C-alpha atoms as a PDB file:
ATOM      1  CA  MET A   1     -22.889  -7.634   0.538  1.00  0.00           C
ATOM      2  CA  SER A   2     -22.773  -5.479  -2.598  1.00  0.00           C
ATOM      3  CA  VAL A   3     -22.960  -2.318  -0.591  1.00  0.00           C
ATOM      4  CA  GLY A   4     -20.177  -3.450   1.735  1.00  0.00           C
ATOM      5  CA  ILE A   5     -17.946  -4.039  -1.338  1.00  0.00           C
ATOM      6  CA  LEU A   6     -18.840  -0.659  -2.590  1.00  0.00           C
ATOM      7  CA  ILE A   7     -17.915   1.093   0.651  1.00  0.00           C
ATOM      8  CA  LEU A   8     -14.688  -0.817   0.738  1.00  0.00           C
ATOM      9  CA  ARG A   9     -13.872  -0.182  -2.864  1.00  0.00           C
ATOM     10  CA  LEU A  10     -14.566   3.607  -2.375  1.00  0.00           C
ATOM     11  CA  VAL A  11     -12.484   4.051   0.868  1.00  0.00           C
ATOM     12  CA  VAL A  12      -9.319   2.184  -0.404  1.00  0.00           C
ATOM     13  CA  GLY A  13      -9.620   3.769  -3.872  1.00  0.00           C
ATOM     14  CA  LEU A  14     -10.328   7.147  -2.753  1.00  0.00           C
ATOM     15  CA  THR A  15      -7.562   6.990  -0.183  1.00  0.00           C
ATOM     16  CA  LEU A  16      -5.073   5.685  -2.705  1.00  0.00           C
ATOM     17  CA  ALA A  17      -6.063   8.491  -5.238  1.00  0.00           C
ATOM     18  CA  SER A  18      -5.842  11.201  -2.662  1.00  0.00           C
ATOM     19  CA  HIS A  19      -2.162  10.123  -1.782  1.00  0.00           C
ATOM     20  CA  GLY A  20      -1.598  10.376  -5.700  1.00  0.00           C
ATOM     21  CA  ALA A  21      -2.846  13.770  -5.527  1.00  0.00           C
ATOM     22  CA  GLN A  22      -0.716  14.785  -2.805  1.00  0.00           C
ATOM     23  CA  LYS A  23       2.106  13.866  -4.881  1.00  0.00           C
ATOM     24  CA  LEU A  24       0.929  15.139  -8.295  1.00  0.00           C
ATOM     25  CA  PHE A  25      -0.591  18.464  -7.067  1.00  0.00           C
ATOM     26  CA  GLY A  26       0.378  18.994  -3.473  1.00  0.00           C
ATOM     27  CA  TRP A  27      -3.396  18.600  -2.419  1.00  0.00           C
ATOM     28  CA  PHE A  28      -4.495  17.510   0.961  1.00  0.00           C
ATOM     29  CA  GLY A  29      -1.182  18.613   2.691  1.00  0.00           C
ATOM     30  CA  GLY A  30       1.017  16.937   0.140  1.00  0.00           C
ATOM     31  CA  TYR A  31       4.354  18.154  -1.261  1.00  0.00           C
ATOM     32  CA  GLY A  32       3.621  18.163  -4.958  1.00  0.00           C
ATOM     33  CA  LEU A  33       6.058  16.746  -7.431  1.00  0.00           C
ATOM     34  CA  THR A  34       9.115  18.827  -6.391  1.00  0.00           C
ATOM     35  CA  GLY A  35       8.838  17.989  -2.690  1.00  0.00           C
ATOM     36  CA  THR A  36       7.932  14.359  -3.103  1.00  0.00           C
ATOM     37  CA  GLY A  37      10.657  14.100  -5.872  1.00  0.00           C
ATOM     38  CA  GLY A  38      13.219  15.214  -3.294  1.00  0.00           C
ATOM     39  CA  PHE A  39      12.172  12.663  -0.780  1.00  0.00           C
ATOM     40  CA  LEU A  40      12.240   9.951  -3.453  1.00  0.00           C
ATOM     41  CA  GLU A  41      15.565  10.661  -4.264  1.00  0.00           C
ATOM     42  CA  GLN A  42      16.607  10.287  -0.785  1.00  0.00           C
ATOM     43  CA  LEU A  43      15.205   6.842  -1.100  1.00  0.00           C
ATOM     44  CA  GLY A  44      17.239   6.152  -4.214  1.00  0.00           C
ATOM     45  CA  PHE A  45      14.694   6.901  -6.937  1.00  0.00           C
ATOM     46  CA  VAL A  46      16.506   9.169  -9.408  1.00  0.00           C
ATOM     47  CA  PRO A  47      15.392  11.200 -11.082  1.00  0.00           C
ATOM     48  CA  GLY A  48      12.959  12.102  -8.053  1.00  0.00           C
ATOM     49  CA  ARG A  49      10.558  14.330  -9.730  1.00  0.00           C
ATOM     50  CA  ARG A  50      10.039  11.818 -12.374  1.00  0.00           C
ATOM     51  CA  ALA A  51       9.505   8.903  -9.807  1.00  0.00           C
ATOM     52  CA  ALA A  52       7.107  11.208  -8.087  1.00  0.00           C
ATOM     53  CA  LEU A  53       5.052  11.757 -11.209  1.00  0.00           C
ATOM     54  CA  PHE A  54       4.877   8.046 -11.982  1.00  0.00           C
ATOM     55  CA  ALA A  55       4.039   7.128  -8.262  1.00  0.00           C
ATOM     56  CA  GLY A  56       1.481   9.892  -8.189  1.00  0.00           C
ATOM     57  CA  LEU A  57      -0.206   8.859 -11.435  1.00  0.00           C
ATOM     58  CA  ALA A  58      -0.190   5.042 -10.436  1.00  0.00           C
ATOM     59  CA  GLU A  59      -1.826   5.856  -7.070  1.00  0.00           C
ATOM     60  CA  THR A  60      -4.416   8.206  -8.616  1.00  0.00           C
ATOM     61  CA  GLY A  61      -5.306   6.253 -11.449  1.00  0.00           C
ATOM     62  CA  ALA A  62      -5.270   2.712  -9.790  1.00  0.00           C
ATOM     63  CA  GLY A  63      -7.392   4.527  -6.872  1.00  0.00           C
ATOM     64  CA  LEU A  64      -9.822   6.296  -9.348  1.00  0.00           C
ATOM     65  CA  LEU A  65     -10.394   2.916 -10.939  1.00  0.00           C
ATOM     66  CA  LEU A  66     -10.794   0.850  -7.821  1.00  0.00           C
ATOM     67  CA  ALA A  67     -13.476   3.337  -6.644  1.00  0.00           C
ATOM     68  CA  LEU A  68     -15.209   3.190  -9.953  1.00  0.00           C
ATOM     69  CA  GLY A  69     -14.935  -0.689 -10.123  1.00  0.00           C
ATOM     70  CA  LEU A  70     -13.478  -0.344 -13.519  1.00  0.00           C
ATOM     71  CA  ALA A  71     -10.585  -2.567 -15.055  1.00  0.00           C
ATOM     72  CA  THR A  72     -10.473  -3.816 -11.511  1.00  0.00           C
ATOM     73  CA  PRO A  73      -7.627  -6.537 -11.848  1.00  0.00           C
ATOM     74  CA  LEU A  74      -5.335  -3.798 -13.614  1.00  0.00           C
ATOM     75  CA  ALA A  75      -6.155  -1.300 -10.865  1.00  0.00           C
ATOM     76  CA  ALA A  76      -5.510  -4.031  -8.272  1.00  0.00           C
ATOM     77  CA  ALA A  77      -2.143  -4.787  -9.806  1.00  0.00           C
ATOM     78  CA  VAL A  78      -1.030  -1.148  -9.953  1.00  0.00           C
ATOM     79  CA  ALA A  79      -2.106  -0.323  -6.510  1.00  0.00           C
ATOM     80  CA  LEU A  80      -0.333  -3.437  -5.056  1.00  0.00           C
ATOM     81  CA  SER A  81       2.789  -2.586  -6.909  1.00  0.00           C
ATOM     82  CA  VAL A  82       3.026   1.031  -5.782  1.00  0.00           C
ATOM     83  CA  MET A  83       2.272  -0.025  -2.217  1.00  0.00           C
ATOM     84  CA  VAL A  84       4.897  -2.791  -2.286  1.00  0.00           C
ATOM     85  CA  VAL A  85       7.590  -0.336  -3.467  1.00  0.00           C
ATOM     86  CA  ALA A  86       6.470   2.322  -0.879  1.00  0.00           C
ATOM     87  CA  GLY A  87       6.388  -0.415   1.796  1.00  0.00           C
ATOM     88  CA  VAL A  88       9.859  -1.785   1.050  1.00  0.00           C
ATOM     89  CA  SER A  89      11.567   1.396   0.213  1.00  0.00           C
ATOM     90  CA  ALA A  90      10.215   3.917   2.996  1.00  0.00           C
ATOM     91  CA  HIS A  91       8.754   1.813   5.739  1.00  0.00           C
ATOM     92  CA  ALA A  92      10.106  -1.857   6.079  1.00  0.00           C
ATOM     93  CA  SER A  93      13.235  -0.707   8.031  1.00  0.00           C
ATOM     94  CA  LYS A  94      10.841   0.914  10.690  1.00  0.00           C
ATOM     95  CA  GLY A  95       9.016  -2.197  11.454  1.00  0.00           C
ATOM     96  CA  PHE A  96       5.481  -3.207  11.242  1.00  0.00           C
ATOM     97  CA  PHE A  97       3.347  -0.584  13.013  1.00  0.00           C
ATOM     98  CA  ALA A  98       2.365   2.718  11.250  1.00  0.00           C
ATOM     99  CA  HIS A  99       2.863   4.708  14.343  1.00  0.00           C
ATOM    100  CA  ASN A 100       6.583   4.020  14.059  1.00  0.00           C
ATOM    101  CA  GLY A 101       6.494   4.772  10.153  1.00  0.00           C
ATOM    102  CA  GLY A 102       6.283   1.175   9.480  1.00  0.00           C
ATOM    103  CA  TYR A 103       4.656  -0.778   6.567  1.00  0.00           C
ATOM    104  CA  GLU A 104       1.110  -1.675   8.271  1.00  0.00           C
ATOM    105  CA  TYR A 105      -0.535   1.079   6.287  1.00  0.00           C
ATOM    106  CA  THR A 106       1.036   0.105   2.844  1.00  0.00           C
ATOM    107  CA  LEU A 107       0.543  -3.438   3.372  1.00  0.00           C
ATOM    108  CA  ILE A 108      -3.316  -2.917   4.233  1.00  0.00           C
ATOM    109  CA  LEU A 109      -3.811  -0.741   1.180  1.00  0.00           C
ATOM    110  CA  GLY A 110      -2.044  -2.958  -1.071  1.00  0.00           C
ATOM    111  CA  ILE A 111      -3.718  -6.526   0.134  1.00  0.00           C
ATOM    112  CA  ALA A 112      -7.179  -4.629   0.108  1.00  0.00           C
ATOM    113  CA  ALA A 113      -6.767  -3.519  -3.457  1.00  0.00           C
ATOM    114  CA  LEU A 114      -5.497  -7.170  -4.484  1.00  0.00           C
ATOM    115  CA  SER A 115      -8.563  -8.524  -2.897  1.00  0.00           C
ATOM    116  CA  PHE A 116     -10.814  -7.046  -5.390  1.00  0.00           C
ATOM    117  CA  ALA A 117      -9.125  -8.864  -8.233  1.00  0.00           C
ATOM    118  CA  PHE A 118     -10.150 -12.149  -6.557  1.00  0.00           C
ATOM    119  CA  THR A 119     -13.583 -11.167  -5.434  1.00  0.00           C
ATOM    120  CA  GLY A 120     -14.512  -8.629  -8.197  1.00  0.00           C
ATOM    121  CA  PRO A 121     -15.779  -5.093  -7.655  1.00  0.00           C
ATOM    122  CA  GLY A 122     -19.313  -6.183  -6.957  1.00  0.00           C
ATOM    123  CA  PRO A 123     -22.502  -5.487  -8.665  1.00  0.00           C
ATOM    124  CA  LEU A 124     -22.387  -1.770  -7.907  1.00  0.00           C
ATOM    125  CA  SER A 125     -19.647  -1.159 -10.267  1.00  0.00           C
ATOM    126  CA  VAL A 126     -18.654   0.177 -13.644  1.00  0.00           C
ATOM    127  CA  ASP A 127     -17.128  -3.355 -14.541  1.00  0.00           C
ATOM    128  CA  ALA A 128     -20.678  -4.879 -13.650  1.00  0.00           C
ATOM    129  CA  VAL A 129     -22.509  -2.336 -15.636  1.00  0.00           C
ATOM    130  CA  LEU A 130     -20.469  -3.217 -18.656  1.00  0.00           C
ATOM    131  CA  GLY A 131     -20.816  -6.963 -18.218  1.00  0.00           C
ATOM    132  CA  VAL A 132     -17.237  -7.440 -17.286  1.00  0.00           C
ATOM    133  CA  GLN A 133     -16.569 -10.369 -14.794  1.00  0.00           C
ATOM    134  CA  ASP A 134     -12.981 -10.340 -14.597  1.00  0.00           C
ATOM    135  CA  ALA A 135     -12.517 -11.900 -11.194  1.00  0.00           C
ATOM    136  CA  GLY A 136     -11.577 -15.097  -9.333  1.00  0.00           C
ATOM    137  CA  ALA A 137      -8.439 -16.850  -8.556  1.00  0.00           C
ATOM    138  CA  GLY A 138      -6.917 -16.560 -12.011  1.00  0.00           C
ATOM    139  CA  TRP A 139      -7.344 -12.897 -12.129  1.00  0.00           C
ATOM    140  CA  GLY A 140      -6.357 -12.220  -8.489  1.00  0.00           C
ATOM    141  CA  LEU A 141      -3.158 -14.308  -8.949  1.00  0.00           C
ATOM    142  CA  ALA A 142      -2.339 -12.618 -12.332  1.00  0.00           C
ATOM    143  CA  ALA A 143      -2.865  -9.066 -10.516  1.00  0.00           C
ATOM    144  CA  LEU A 144      -0.482 -10.345  -7.860  1.00  0.00           C
ATOM    145  CA  VAL A 145       2.226 -11.551 -10.254  1.00  0.00           C
ATOM    146  CA  VAL A 146       1.843  -8.373 -12.126  1.00  0.00           C
ATOM    147  CA  GLY A 147       2.080  -6.191  -9.151  1.00  0.00           C
ATOM    148  CA  LEU A 148       4.989  -7.936  -7.671  1.00  0.00           C
ATOM    149  CA  VAL A 149       6.878  -7.831 -10.822  1.00  0.00           C
ATOM    150  CA  GLY A 150       6.224  -4.078 -11.354  1.00  0.00           C
ATOM    151  CA  ALA A 151       7.356  -3.510  -7.742  1.00  0.00           C
ATOM    152  CA  GLY A 152      10.389  -5.538  -8.424  1.00  0.00           C
ATOM    153  CA  VAL A 153      11.346  -3.505 -11.510  1.00  0.00           C
ATOM    154  CA  GLN A 154      10.981  -0.196  -9.677  1.00  0.00           C
ATOM    155  CA  LEU A 155      12.926  -1.396  -6.607  1.00  0.00           C
ATOM    156  CA  ALA A 156      15.743  -2.926  -8.735  1.00  0.00           C
ATOM    157  CA  GLN A 157      16.161   0.548 -10.382  1.00  0.00           C
ATOM    158  CA  ARG A 158      16.895   2.283  -6.956  1.00  0.00           C
ATOM    159  CA  GLN A 159      20.472   3.755  -6.617  1.00  0.00           C
ATOM    160  CA  VAL A 160      21.241   2.570  -3.237  1.00  0.00           C
ATOM    161  CA  ARG A 161      24.690   2.175  -1.832  1.00  0.00           C
ATOM    162  CA  GLY A 162      25.045  -0.299   1.312  1.00  0.00           C
ATOM    163  CA  GLU A 163      22.876   1.469   4.003  1.00  0.00           C
ATOM    164  CA  THR A 164      23.209   4.890   2.391  1.00  0.00           C
ATOM    165  CA  VAL A 165      21.159   6.187  -0.472  1.00  0.00           C
ATOM    166  CA  SER A 166      22.923   7.690  -3.352  1.00  0.00           C
ATOM    167  CA  ARG A 167      21.924  11.320  -4.400  1.00  0.00           C
ATOM    168  CA  ASP A 168      24.214  11.288  -7.610  1.00  0.00           C
END
């Protein structure tokens, strides 16, 4: 069981971190801060470059923390938050399935990350080495609430007019 949790943590965490690196550095075929910032401005996140920086830092940081199994409830909350924002702002209008640009992918990454707050990172983690046992229903619910509040704050700051997005 511990190897299974490690594998899942590594895949989810490193996937999130690589998406963050796309935004921050343009690695792995990404667009970097400028390109991602332009896209985020189209979604209503102004200024876009700052939004790209924070999204990239959130994804990279949360992803690396999850992969390491360090500060797991915090990492889960941040990962959930950034995936909710991406799902709502960029994917929800396109339906569920990822092949249509839908929110399927962001949902899976966000919920997988959140699950670690409930289960813990497992014995093959930095948290376990440090003797940190912050997991269970209370930690999972706290990560859920923090993640949703964080997403709500970001989404509330979008500059959207009706069905069109403001570029002002």
